[in-house]
Protein backbone atom coordinates (compact mmCIF):
# COMPACT_ATOMS: atom_id res chain seq x y z
CA UNK A 1 15.54 69.86 -8.62
CA UNK A 2 14.97 69.93 -4.87
CA UNK A 3 12.97 67.62 -2.70
CA UNK A 4 11.48 67.70 0.68
CA UNK A 5 13.10 65.39 3.31
CA UNK A 6 11.56 61.98 3.69
CA UNK A 7 9.96 61.50 7.15
CA UNK A 8 12.12 58.49 7.92
CA UNK A 9 15.31 60.31 7.23
CA UNK A 10 16.00 61.39 10.84
CA UNK A 11 16.18 57.80 11.92
CA UNK A 12 18.84 57.16 9.41
CA UNK A 13 21.09 59.99 10.61
CA UNK A 14 20.21 62.35 7.89
CA UNK A 15 19.30 65.95 8.81
CA UNK A 16 15.60 66.13 8.75
CA UNK A 17 15.30 69.64 8.10
CA UNK A 18 16.96 69.35 4.65
CA UNK A 19 15.93 67.83 1.34
CA UNK A 20 17.93 66.76 -1.47
CA UNK A 21 19.34 68.90 -4.44
CA UNK A 22 20.10 67.17 -7.67
CA UNK A 23 22.17 68.90 -10.30
CA UNK A 24 23.49 67.67 -13.60
CA UNK A 25 25.88 69.38 -15.99
CA UNK A 26 26.79 68.62 -19.65
CA UNK A 27 28.66 71.42 -21.21
CA UNK A 28 28.10 71.96 -24.80
CA UNK A 29 30.37 69.88 -27.13
CA UNK A 30 31.72 68.24 -23.96
CA UNK A 31 31.88 64.47 -23.76
CA UNK A 32 31.76 64.38 -19.84
CA UNK A 33 28.36 64.49 -17.92
CA UNK A 34 28.40 65.30 -14.21
CA UNK A 35 25.70 64.45 -11.69
CA UNK A 36 25.77 65.86 -8.02
CA UNK A 37 23.38 64.81 -5.16
CA UNK A 38 23.76 67.12 -2.22
CA UNK A 39 21.73 68.10 0.79
CA UNK A 40 19.76 71.26 0.53
CA UNK A 41 21.04 74.13 2.87
CA UNK A 42 19.32 74.13 6.11
CA UNK A 43 17.33 77.32 6.86
CA UNK A 44 19.60 80.30 7.64
CA UNK A 45 22.40 78.75 5.91
CA UNK A 46 23.85 80.82 2.96
CA UNK A 47 22.96 79.15 -0.30
CA UNK A 48 26.65 79.51 -1.64
CA UNK A 49 28.16 77.96 1.64
CA UNK A 50 29.26 74.41 0.73
CA UNK A 51 31.00 73.66 3.85
CA UNK A 52 29.71 70.73 5.58
CA UNK A 53 26.95 70.07 3.27
CA UNK A 54 26.77 66.30 2.35
CA UNK A 55 27.58 65.56 -1.27
CA UNK A 56 28.21 62.84 -3.77
CA UNK A 57 29.28 63.89 -7.29
CA UNK A 58 30.30 61.51 -10.19
CA UNK A 59 31.47 62.52 -13.83
CA UNK A 60 31.12 60.19 -16.65
CA UNK A 61 32.03 60.02 -20.33
CA UNK A 62 28.60 60.09 -22.24
CA UNK A 63 30.21 57.20 -24.27
CA UNK A 64 29.63 54.72 -21.33
CA UNK A 65 25.77 54.94 -21.88
CA UNK A 66 25.50 54.60 -25.68
CA UNK A 67 26.29 51.72 -27.83
CA UNK A 68 27.96 51.62 -31.15
CA UNK A 69 24.50 52.30 -32.93
CA UNK A 70 23.94 55.24 -30.79
CA UNK A 71 21.24 53.71 -28.57
CA UNK A 72 21.07 55.01 -24.98
CA UNK A 73 21.60 52.52 -22.28
CA UNK A 74 19.09 53.63 -19.79
CA UNK A 75 19.51 50.52 -17.37
CA UNK A 76 23.30 51.11 -17.19
CA UNK A 77 22.91 54.85 -16.35
CA UNK A 78 20.07 54.13 -13.78
CA UNK A 79 22.12 51.51 -12.00
CA UNK A 80 24.78 54.29 -11.61
CA UNK A 81 22.44 56.70 -10.47
CA UNK A 82 21.10 54.12 -7.81
CA UNK A 83 24.55 53.42 -6.69
CA UNK A 84 25.07 57.30 -6.10
CA UNK A 85 21.87 57.45 -4.14
CA UNK A 86 22.85 54.54 -1.99
CA UNK A 87 26.11 56.12 -1.32
CA UNK A 88 24.53 59.48 -0.45
CA UNK A 89 22.02 57.82 1.90
CA UNK A 90 24.57 55.73 3.76
CA UNK A 91 26.47 58.95 4.40
CA UNK A 92 29.44 58.19 2.22
CA UNK A 93 28.97 61.57 0.46
CA UNK A 94 30.15 63.70 3.35
CA UNK A 95 33.07 64.89 1.48
CA UNK A 96 33.24 65.98 -2.04
CA UNK A 97 33.62 62.64 -4.12
CA UNK A 98 34.16 62.70 -7.85
CA UNK A 99 34.76 59.48 -9.84
CA UNK A 100 35.67 59.49 -13.44
CA UNK A 101 35.07 55.98 -15.33
């Protein structure tokens, strides 16, 4: 999923010509879910060029978001996603960060 840049991003120090790219990965039969938020490449930048692209990435066990009865804890998941978005917006995603919890 990609987005267009927010009009106020230039005031917050984010590149205004770039939107966001959100990627998720849950390989088949794997217990780990990875979520990545990164800036979309600037026009003219190679798609596969990851150098200098602000990014935040976290990897979690899916067991962190389900109770013993198998119910999904959406509030816990969204709290973690909101934290990642906050880190990305504050520029804490300038290097590849990966957290496992």
